Amino acid sequence: QLEQEAETLKRNVDLRTHETSPAPAAPAAPAAPAAPATH
C-alpha cells in the first residue's frame, strides 16, 4: 500500500510538473537593425 501510494503521488507530481512547465519556445530569429523609415 505504501509503494502504491508513493507511485500515485509520484505520478501526480509528474503530471503537475508537465502541466505547469512552459512549452518549449521556438528559437528567436536574430533581430535585424531597424533602418529609419523613409516615408
PDB file of all heavy atoms in Angstrom:
ATOM      1  N   GLN A   1       0.821  -1.200   0.000  1.00  0.00           N
ATOM      2  CA  GLN A   1       0.000   0.000   0.000  1.00  0.00           C
ATOM      3  C   GLN A   1       0.861   1.258   0.000  1.00  0.00           C
ATOM      4  O   GLN A   1       0.565   2.223  -0.701  1.00  0.00           O
ATOM      5  CB  GLN A   1      -0.933   0.014   1.204  1.00  0.00           C
ATOM      6  CG  GLN A   1      -2.093  -0.939   1.086  1.00  0.00           C
ATOM      7  CD  GLN A   1      -2.972  -0.937   2.330  1.00  0.00           C
ATOM      8  OE1 GLN A   1      -2.630  -0.335   3.343  1.00  0.00           O
ATOM      9  NE2 GLN A   1      -4.092  -1.622   2.251  1.00  0.00           N
ATOM     10  N   LEU A   2       1.936   1.246   0.789  1.00  0.00           N
ATOM     11  CA  LEU A   2       2.836   2.395   0.802  1.00  0.00           C
ATOM     12  C   LEU A   2       3.478   2.608  -0.562  1.00  0.00           C
ATOM     13  O   LEU A   2       3.575   3.743  -1.043  1.00  0.00           O
ATOM     14  CB  LEU A   2       3.923   2.217   1.859  1.00  0.00           C
ATOM     15  CG  LEU A   2       3.509   2.453   3.305  1.00  0.00           C
ATOM     16  CD1 LEU A   2       4.684   2.199   4.240  1.00  0.00           C
ATOM     17  CD2 LEU A   2       3.003   3.858   3.490  1.00  0.00           C
ATOM     18  N   GLU A   3       3.920   1.529  -1.197  1.00  0.00           N
ATOM     19  CA  GLU A   3       4.523   1.649  -2.525  1.00  0.00           C
ATOM     20  C   GLU A   3       3.505   2.157  -3.537  1.00  0.00           C
ATOM     21  O   GLU A   3       3.828   2.973  -4.403  1.00  0.00           O
ATOM     22  CB  GLU A   3       5.094   0.302  -2.966  1.00  0.00           C
ATOM     23  CG  GLU A   3       6.327  -0.117  -2.199  1.00  0.00           C
ATOM     24  CD  GLU A   3       6.781  -1.533  -2.529  1.00  0.00           C
ATOM     25  OE1 GLU A   3       6.065  -2.244  -3.277  1.00  0.00           O
ATOM     26  OE2 GLU A   3       7.846  -1.921  -2.035  1.00  0.00           O
ATOM     27  N   GLN A   4       2.251   1.684  -3.418  1.00  0.00           N
ATOM     28  CA  GLN A   4       1.202   2.117  -4.334  1.00  0.00           C
ATOM     29  C   GLN A   4       0.915   3.604  -4.147  1.00  0.00           C
ATOM     30  O   GLN A   4       0.784   4.353  -5.132  1.00  0.00           O
ATOM     31  CB  GLN A   4      -0.057   1.286  -4.064  1.00  0.00           C
ATOM     32  CG  GLN A   4      -1.055   1.251  -5.166  1.00  0.00           C
ATOM     33  CD  GLN A   4      -2.179   0.270  -4.839  1.00  0.00           C
ATOM     34  OE1 GLN A   4      -2.609   0.164  -3.690  1.00  0.00           O
ATOM     35  NE2 GLN A   4      -2.648  -0.445  -5.846  1.00  0.00           N
ATOM     36  N   GLU A   5       0.817   4.058  -2.903  1.00  0.00           N
ATOM     37  CA  GLU A   5       0.577   5.476  -2.638  1.00  0.00           C
ATOM     38  C   GLU A   5       1.750   6.331  -3.111  1.00  0.00           C
ATOM     39  O   GLU A   5       1.553   7.408  -3.669  1.00  0.00           O
ATOM     40  CB  GLU A   5       0.327   5.715  -1.147  1.00  0.00           C
ATOM     41  CG  GLU A   5      -1.010   5.199  -0.663  1.00  0.00           C
ATOM     42  CD  GLU A   5      -2.181   5.905  -1.321  1.00  0.00           C
ATOM     43  OE1 GLU A   5      -2.097   7.127  -1.540  1.00  0.00           O
ATOM     44  OE2 GLU A   5      -3.173   5.226  -1.614  1.00  0.00           O
ATOM     45  N   ALA A   6       2.967   5.847  -2.891  1.00  0.00           N
ATOM     46  CA  ALA A   6       4.142   6.594  -3.344  1.00  0.00           C
ATOM     47  C   ALA A   6       4.144   6.724  -4.866  1.00  0.00           C
ATOM     48  O   ALA A   6       4.454   7.782  -5.411  1.00  0.00           O
ATOM     49  CB  ALA A   6       5.415   5.917  -2.857  1.00  0.00           C
ATOM     50  N   GLU A   7       3.776   5.658  -5.548  1.00  0.00           N
ATOM     51  CA  GLU A   7       3.723   5.697  -7.016  1.00  0.00           C
ATOM     52  C   GLU A   7       2.630   6.654  -7.492  1.00  0.00           C
ATOM     53  O   GLU A   7       2.833   7.413  -8.442  1.00  0.00           O
ATOM     54  CB  GLU A   7       3.475   4.289  -7.570  1.00  0.00           C
ATOM     55  CG  GLU A   7       3.543   4.206  -9.071  1.00  0.00           C
ATOM     56  CD  GLU A   7       4.912   4.524  -9.625  1.00  0.00           C
ATOM     57  OE1 GLU A   7       5.927   4.272  -8.955  1.00  0.00           O
ATOM     58  OE2 GLU A   7       4.972   5.056 -10.754  1.00  0.00           O
ATOM     59  N   THR A   8       1.480   6.651  -6.812  1.00  0.00           N
ATOM     60  CA  THR A   8       0.392   7.560  -7.171  1.00  0.00           C
ATOM     61  C   THR A   8       0.825   9.012  -6.970  1.00  0.00           C
ATOM     62  O   THR A   8       0.593   9.861  -7.840  1.00  0.00           O
ATOM     63  CB  THR A   8      -0.855   7.263  -6.319  1.00  0.00           C
ATOM     64  OG1 THR A   8      -1.238   5.902  -6.529  1.00  0.00           O
ATOM     65  CG2 THR A   8      -2.005   8.174  -6.690  1.00  0.00           C
ATOM     66  N   LEU A   9       1.457   9.297  -5.837  1.00  0.00           N
ATOM     67  CA  LEU A   9       1.935  10.658  -5.589  1.00  0.00           C
ATOM     68  C   LEU A   9       2.983  11.070  -6.615  1.00  0.00           C
ATOM     69  O   LEU A   9       2.995  12.200  -7.085  1.00  0.00           O
ATOM     70  CB  LEU A   9       2.512  10.761  -4.178  1.00  0.00           C
ATOM     71  CG  LEU A   9       1.496  10.740  -3.043  1.00  0.00           C
ATOM     72  CD1 LEU A   9       2.194  10.701  -1.700  1.00  0.00           C
ATOM     73  CD2 LEU A   9       0.588  11.946  -3.129  1.00  0.00           C
ATOM     74  N   LYS A  10       3.853  10.142  -6.969  1.00  0.00           N
ATOM     75  CA  LYS A  10       4.892  10.444  -7.956  1.00  0.00           C
ATOM     76  C   LYS A  10       4.260  10.771  -9.307  1.00  0.00           C
ATOM     77  O   LYS A  10       4.667  11.720  -9.974  1.00  0.00           O
ATOM     78  CB  LYS A  10       5.838   9.257  -8.084  1.00  0.00           C
ATOM     79  CG  LYS A  10       6.998   9.495  -9.004  1.00  0.00           C
ATOM     80  CD  LYS A  10       7.910   8.288  -9.049  1.00  0.00           C
ATOM     81  CE  LYS A  10       9.040   8.506 -10.014  1.00  0.00           C
ATOM     82  NZ  LYS A  10       9.911   7.343 -10.095  1.00  0.00           N
ATOM     83  N   ARG A  11       3.242   9.992  -9.700  1.00  0.00           N
ATOM     84  CA  ARG A  11       2.556  10.261 -10.964  1.00  0.00           C
ATOM     85  C   ARG A  11       1.852  11.616 -10.926  1.00  0.00           C
ATOM     86  O   ARG A  11       1.891  12.367 -11.896  1.00  0.00           O
ATOM     87  CB  ARG A  11       1.542   9.160 -11.279  1.00  0.00           C
ATOM     88  CG  ARG A  11       2.161   8.006 -12.025  1.00  0.00           C
ATOM     89  CD  ARG A  11       1.099   7.070 -12.561  1.00  0.00           C
ATOM     90  NE  ARG A  11       1.209   5.841 -11.775  1.00  0.00           N
ATOM     91  CZ  ARG A  11       0.231   5.246 -11.135  1.00  0.00           C
ATOM     92  NH1 ARG A  11      -0.986   5.703 -11.192  1.00  0.00           N
ATOM     93  NH2 ARG A  11       0.442   4.150 -10.431  1.00  0.00           N
ATOM     94  N   ASN A  12       1.210  11.940  -9.789  1.00  0.00           N
ATOM     95  CA  ASN A  12       0.527  13.231  -9.669  1.00  0.00           C
ATOM     96  C   ASN A  12       1.515  14.383  -9.769  1.00  0.00           C
ATOM     97  O   ASN A  12       1.242  15.390 -10.416  1.00  0.00           O
ATOM     98  CB  ASN A  12      -0.239  13.312  -8.355  1.00  0.00           C
ATOM     99  CG  ASN A  12      -1.485  12.459  -8.372  1.00  0.00           C
ATOM    100  OD1 ASN A  12      -1.953  12.041  -9.421  1.00  0.00           O
ATOM    101  ND2 ASN A  12      -2.016  12.174  -7.195  1.00  0.00           N
ATOM    102  N   VAL A  13       2.665  14.244  -9.124  1.00  0.00           N
ATOM    103  CA  VAL A  13       3.675  15.300  -9.186  1.00  0.00           C
ATOM    104  C   VAL A  13       4.216  15.423 -10.603  1.00  0.00           C
ATOM    105  O   VAL A  13       4.389  16.530 -11.112  1.00  0.00           O
ATOM    106  CB  VAL A  13       4.813  15.018  -8.171  1.00  0.00           C
ATOM    107  CG1 VAL A  13       5.996  15.921  -8.414  1.00  0.00           C
ATOM    108  CG2 VAL A  13       4.300  15.184  -6.753  1.00  0.00           C
ATOM    109  N   ASP A  14       4.449  14.297 -11.261  1.00  0.00           N
ATOM    110  CA  ASP A  14       4.930  14.344 -12.644  1.00  0.00           C
ATOM    111  C   ASP A  14       3.912  15.019 -13.554  1.00  0.00           C
ATOM    112  O   ASP A  14       4.272  15.819 -14.411  1.00  0.00           O
ATOM    113  CB  ASP A  14       5.233  12.940 -13.163  1.00  0.00           C
ATOM    114  CG  ASP A  14       6.499  12.348 -12.561  1.00  0.00           C
ATOM    115  OD1 ASP A  14       7.299  13.128 -11.989  1.00  0.00           O
ATOM    116  OD2 ASP A  14       6.680  11.125 -12.652  1.00  0.00           O
ATOM    117  N   LEU A  15       2.629  14.711 -13.359  1.00  0.00           N
ATOM    118  CA  LEU A  15       1.593  15.334 -14.189  1.00  0.00           C
ATOM    119  C   LEU A  15       1.530  16.831 -13.940  1.00  0.00           C
ATOM    120  O   LEU A  15       1.387  17.620 -14.867  1.00  0.00           O
ATOM    121  CB  LEU A  15       0.229  14.701 -13.907  1.00  0.00           C
ATOM    122  CG  LEU A  15       0.025  13.280 -14.437  1.00  0.00           C
ATOM    123  CD1 LEU A  15      -1.328  12.750 -13.994  1.00  0.00           C
ATOM    124  CD2 LEU A  15       0.128  13.248 -15.945  1.00  0.00           C
ATOM    125  N   ARG A  16       1.644  17.232 -12.677  1.00  0.00           N
ATOM    126  CA  ARG A  16       1.587  18.663 -12.368  1.00  0.00           C
ATOM    127  C   ARG A  16       2.780  19.398 -12.940  1.00  0.00           C
ATOM    128  O   ARG A  16       2.643  20.509 -13.428  1.00  0.00           O
ATOM    129  CB  ARG A  16       1.528  18.876 -10.852  1.00  0.00           C
ATOM    130  CG  ARG A  16       0.190  18.521 -10.278  1.00  0.00           C
ATOM    131  CD  ARG A  16       0.132  18.815  -8.806  1.00  0.00           C
ATOM    132  NE  ARG A  16      -1.114  18.316  -8.271  1.00  0.00           N
ATOM    133  CZ  ARG A  16      -1.311  18.033  -7.014  1.00  0.00           C
ATOM    134  NH1 ARG A  16      -0.343  18.199  -6.138  1.00  0.00           N
ATOM    135  NH2 ARG A  16      -2.470  17.584  -6.599  1.00  0.00           N
ATOM    136  N   THR A  17       3.949  18.802 -12.899  1.00  0.00           N
ATOM    137  CA  THR A  17       5.114  19.482 -13.450  1.00  0.00           C
ATOM    138  C   THR A  17       5.005  19.582 -14.966  1.00  0.00           C
ATOM    139  O   THR A  17       5.442  20.565 -15.550  1.00  0.00           O
ATOM    140  CB  THR A  17       6.419  18.775 -13.062  1.00  0.00           C
ATOM    141  OG1 THR A  17       6.371  17.414 -13.484  1.00  0.00           O
ATOM    142  CG2 THR A  17       6.651  18.848 -11.571  1.00  0.00           C
ATOM    143  N   HIS A  18       4.409  18.576 -15.601  1.00  0.00           N
ATOM    144  CA  HIS A  18       4.249  18.649 -17.056  1.00  0.00           C
ATOM    145  C   HIS A  18       3.184  19.669 -17.434  1.00  0.00           C
ATOM    146  O   HIS A  18       3.281  20.307 -18.469  1.00  0.00           O
ATOM    147  CB  HIS A  18       3.878  17.280 -17.637  1.00  0.00           C
ATOM    148  CG  HIS A  18       5.013  16.302 -17.598  1.00  0.00           C
ATOM    149  ND1 HIS A  18       6.205  16.525 -18.241  1.00  0.00           N
ATOM    150  CD2 HIS A  18       5.151  15.104 -16.978  1.00  0.00           C
ATOM    151  CE1 HIS A  18       7.014  15.503 -18.030  1.00  0.00           C
ATOM    152  NE2 HIS A  18       6.395  14.635 -17.252  1.00  0.00           N
ATOM    153  N   GLU A  19       2.142  19.815 -16.576  1.00  0.00           N
ATOM    154  CA  GLU A  19       1.090  20.785 -16.886  1.00  0.00           C
ATOM    155  C   GLU A  19       1.584  22.213 -16.700  1.00  0.00           C
ATOM    156  O   GLU A  19       1.225  23.099 -17.455  1.00  0.00           O
ATOM    157  CB  GLU A  19      -0.118  20.554 -15.975  1.00  0.00           C
ATOM    158  CG  GLU A  19      -0.905  19.312 -16.316  1.00  0.00           C
ATOM    159  CD  GLU A  19      -2.017  19.047 -15.318  1.00  0.00           C
ATOM    160  OE1 GLU A  19      -2.159  19.819 -14.351  1.00  0.00           O
ATOM    161  OE2 GLU A  19      -2.743  18.069 -15.507  1.00  0.00           O
ATOM    162  N   THR A  20       2.406  22.455 -15.684  1.00  0.00           N
ATOM    163  CA  THR A  20       2.834  23.812 -15.385  1.00  0.00           C
ATOM    164  C   THR A  20       4.099  24.220 -16.108  1.00  0.00           C
ATOM    165  O   THR A  20       4.409  25.397 -16.170  1.00  0.00           O
ATOM    166  CB  THR A  20       3.072  23.992 -13.873  1.00  0.00           C
ATOM    167  OG1 THR A  20       4.063  23.043 -13.457  1.00  0.00           O
ATOM    168  CG2 THR A  20       1.784  23.785 -13.109  1.00  0.00           C
ATOM    169  N   SER A  21       4.837  23.278 -16.660  1.00  0.00           N
ATOM    170  CA  SER A  21       6.062  23.653 -17.350  1.00  0.00           C
ATOM    171  C   SER A  21       5.708  24.329 -18.670  1.00  0.00           C
ATOM    172  O   SER A  21       4.804  23.908 -19.374  1.00  0.00           O
ATOM    173  CB  SER A  21       6.947  22.427 -17.605  1.00  0.00           C
ATOM    174  OG  SER A  21       6.295  21.536 -18.479  1.00  0.00           O
ATOM    175  N   PRO A  22       6.409  25.405 -18.981  1.00  0.00           N
ATOM    176  CA  PRO A  22       6.106  26.102 -20.226  1.00  0.00           C
ATOM    177  C   PRO A  22       6.508  25.266 -21.430  1.00  0.00           C
ATOM    178  O   PRO A  22       7.433  24.468 -21.375  1.00  0.00           O
ATOM    179  CB  PRO A  22       6.948  27.381 -20.135  1.00  0.00           C
ATOM    180  CG  PRO A  22       8.062  27.039 -19.201  1.00  0.00           C
ATOM    181  CD  PRO A  22       7.487  26.010 -18.248  1.00  0.00           C
ATOM    182  N   ALA A  23       5.775  25.466 -22.496  1.00  0.00           N
ATOM    183  CA  ALA A  23       6.104  24.753 -23.732  1.00  0.00           C
ATOM    184  C   ALA A  23       7.431  25.272 -24.256  1.00  0.00           C
ATOM    185  O   ALA A  23       7.765  26.447 -24.088  1.00  0.00           O
ATOM    186  CB  ALA A  23       4.999  24.981 -24.759  1.00  0.00           C
ATOM    187  N   PRO A  24       8.216  24.412 -24.861  1.00  0.00           N
ATOM    188  CA  PRO A  24       9.493  24.881 -25.384  1.00  0.00           C
ATOM    189  C   PRO A  24       9.273  25.966 -26.426  1.00  0.00           C
ATOM    190  O   PRO A  24       8.505  25.804 -27.363  1.00  0.00           O
ATOM    191  CB  PRO A  24      10.134  23.644 -26.005  1.00  0.00           C
ATOM    192  CG  PRO A  24       9.136  22.552 -25.912  1.00  0.00           C
ATOM    193  CD  PRO A  24       7.986  23.020 -25.089  1.00  0.00           C
ATOM    194  N   ALA A  25       9.925  27.080 -26.207  1.00  0.00           N
ATOM    195  CA  ALA A  25       9.771  28.213 -27.116  1.00  0.00           C
ATOM    196  C   ALA A  25      10.620  28.000 -28.362  1.00  0.00           C
ATOM    197  O   ALA A  25      11.699  27.423 -28.305  1.00  0.00           O
ATOM    198  CB  ALA A  25      10.188  29.508 -26.420  1.00  0.00           C
ATOM    199  N   ALA A  26      10.094  28.500 -29.468  1.00  0.00           N
ATOM    200  CA  ALA A  26      10.851  28.423 -30.717  1.00  0.00           C
ATOM    201  C   ALA A  26      12.015  29.406 -30.626  1.00  0.00           C
ATOM    202  O   ALA A  26      11.885  30.481 -30.046  1.00  0.00           O
ATOM    203  CB  ALA A  26       9.951  28.773 -31.893  1.00  0.00           C
ATOM    204  N   PRO A  27      13.158  29.034 -31.148  1.00  0.00           N
ATOM    205  CA  PRO A  27      14.300  29.955 -31.068  1.00  0.00           C
ATOM    206  C   PRO A  27      13.982  31.241 -31.817  1.00  0.00           C
ATOM    207  O   PRO A  27      13.444  31.230 -32.917  1.00  0.00           O
ATOM    208  CB  PRO A  27      15.446  29.192 -31.728  1.00  0.00           C
ATOM    209  CG  PRO A  27      14.808  28.068 -32.476  1.00  0.00           C
ATOM    210  CD  PRO A  27      13.483  27.813 -31.844  1.00  0.00           C
ATOM    211  N   ALA A  28      14.301  32.348 -31.181  1.00  0.00           N
ATOM    212  CA  ALA A  28      14.010  33.648 -31.773  1.00  0.00           C
ATOM    213  C   ALA A  28      15.001  33.935 -32.895  1.00  0.00           C
ATOM    214  O   ALA A  28      16.187  33.640 -32.796  1.00  0.00           O
ATOM    215  CB  ALA A  28      14.098  34.730 -30.707  1.00  0.00           C
ATOM    216  N   ALA A  29      14.487  34.503 -33.958  1.00  0.00           N
ATOM    217  CA  ALA A  29      15.349  34.877 -35.076  1.00  0.00           C
ATOM    218  C   ALA A  29      16.137  36.120 -34.664  1.00  0.00           C
ATOM    219  O   ALA A  29      15.625  36.980 -33.964  1.00  0.00           O
ATOM    220  CB  ALA A  29      14.504  35.161 -36.307  1.00  0.00           C
ATOM    221  N   PRO A  30      17.382  36.213 -35.082  1.00  0.00           N
ATOM    222  CA  PRO A  30      18.155  37.406 -34.720  1.00  0.00           C
ATOM    223  C   PRO A  30      17.506  38.648 -35.314  1.00  0.00           C
ATOM    224  O   PRO A  30      17.082  38.667 -36.470  1.00  0.00           O
ATOM    225  CB  PRO A  30      19.534  37.153 -35.320  1.00  0.00           C
ATOM    226  CG  PRO A  30      19.386  36.004 -36.253  1.00  0.00           C
ATOM    227  CD  PRO A  30      18.128  35.281 -35.881  1.00  0.00           C
ATOM    228  N   ALA A  31      17.420  39.660 -34.471  1.00  0.00           N
ATOM    229  CA  ALA A  31      16.760  40.894 -34.914  1.00  0.00           C
ATOM    230  C   ALA A  31      17.710  41.698 -35.788  1.00  0.00           C
ATOM    231  O   ALA A  31      18.874  41.891 -35.460  1.00  0.00           O
ATOM    232  CB  ALA A  31      16.338  41.725 -33.709  1.00  0.00           C
ATOM    233  N   ALA A  32      17.172  42.145 -36.911  1.00  0.00           N
ATOM    234  CA  ALA A  32      17.963  42.984 -37.817  1.00  0.00           C
ATOM    235  C   ALA A  32      17.885  44.416 -37.316  1.00  0.00           C
ATOM    236  O   ALA A  32      16.860  44.836 -36.786  1.00  0.00           O
ATOM    237  CB  ALA A  32      17.420  42.885 -39.233  1.00  0.00           C
ATOM    238  N   PRO A  33      18.949  45.197 -37.458  1.00  0.00           N
ATOM    239  CA  PRO A  33      18.879  46.588 -37.016  1.00  0.00           C
ATOM    240  C   PRO A  33      17.831  47.330 -37.829  1.00  0.00           C
ATOM    241  O   PRO A  33      17.703  47.162 -39.036  1.00  0.00           O
ATOM    242  CB  PRO A  33      20.280  47.135 -37.273  1.00  0.00           C
ATOM    243  CG  PRO A  33      20.979  46.132 -38.121  1.00  0.00           C
ATOM    244  CD  PRO A  33      20.231  44.841 -38.003  1.00  0.00           C
ATOM    245  N   ALA A  34      17.043  48.123 -37.123  1.00  0.00           N
ATOM    246  CA  ALA A  34      15.951  48.853 -37.780  1.00  0.00           C
ATOM    247  C   ALA A  34      16.524  50.042 -38.552  1.00  0.00           C
ATOM    248  O   ALA A  34      17.312  50.812 -38.029  1.00  0.00           O
ATOM    249  CB  ALA A  34      14.949  49.327 -36.746  1.00  0.00           C
ATOM    250  N   ALA A  35      16.088  50.146 -39.776  1.00  0.00           N
ATOM    251  CA  ALA A  35      16.508  51.278 -40.618  1.00  0.00           C
ATOM    252  C   ALA A  35      15.493  52.393 -40.451  1.00  0.00           C
ATOM    253  O   ALA A  35      14.305  52.131 -40.251  1.00  0.00           O
ATOM    254  CB  ALA A  35      16.594  50.838 -42.069  1.00  0.00           C
ATOM    255  N   PRO A  36      15.931  53.616 -40.500  1.00  0.00           N
ATOM    256  CA  PRO A  36      14.968  54.719 -40.381  1.00  0.00           C
ATOM    257  C   PRO A  36      13.982  54.692 -41.542  1.00  0.00           C
ATOM    258  O   PRO A  36      14.337  54.371 -42.671  1.00  0.00           O
ATOM    259  CB  PRO A  36      15.829  55.970 -40.405  1.00  0.00           C
ATOM    260  CG  PRO A  36      17.201  55.561 -40.804  1.00  0.00           C
ATOM    261  CD  PRO A  36      17.298  54.086 -40.646  1.00  0.00           C
ATOM    262  N   ALA A  37      12.749  54.988 -41.225  1.00  0.00           N
ATOM    263  CA  ALA A  37      11.694  54.972 -42.247  1.00  0.00           C
ATOM    264  C   ALA A  37      11.882  56.158 -43.188  1.00  0.00           C
ATOM    265  O   ALA A  37      12.152  57.265 -42.754  1.00  0.00           O
ATOM    266  CB  ALA A  37      10.329  55.044 -41.582  1.00  0.00           C
ATOM    267  N   THR A  38      11.701  55.877 -44.463  1.00  0.00           N
ATOM    268  CA  THR A  38      11.864  56.940 -45.447  1.00  0.00           C
ATOM    269  C   THR A  38      10.555  57.637 -45.727  1.00  0.00           C
ATOM    270  O   THR A  38      10.535  58.814 -45.990  1.00  0.00           O
ATOM    271  CB  THR A  38      12.454  56.366 -46.744  1.00  0.00           C
ATOM    272  OG1 THR A  38      11.614  55.318 -47.191  1.00  0.00           O
ATOM    273  CG2 THR A  38      13.855  55.865 -46.514  1.00  0.00           C
ATOM    274  N   HIS A  39       9.453  56.895 -45.688  1.00  0.00           N
ATOM    275  CA  HIS A  39       8.159  57.523 -45.868  1.00  0.00           C
ATOM    276  C   HIS A  39       7.137  56.806 -45.003  1.00  0.00           C
ATOM    277  O   HIS A  39       7.342  55.690 -44.568  1.00  0.00           O
ATOM    278  CB  HIS A  39       7.740  57.559 -47.349  1.00  0.00           C
ATOM    279  CG  HIS A  39       7.833  56.233 -48.025  1.00  0.00           C
ATOM    280  ND1 HIS A  39       6.857  55.293 -47.952  1.00  0.00           N
ATOM    281  CD2 HIS A  39       8.827  55.705 -48.801  1.00  0.00           C
ATOM    282  CE1 HIS A  39       7.220  54.237 -48.650  1.00  0.00           C
ATOM    283  NE2 HIS A  39       8.409  54.453 -49.167  1.00  0.00           N
TER     284      HIS A  39
END
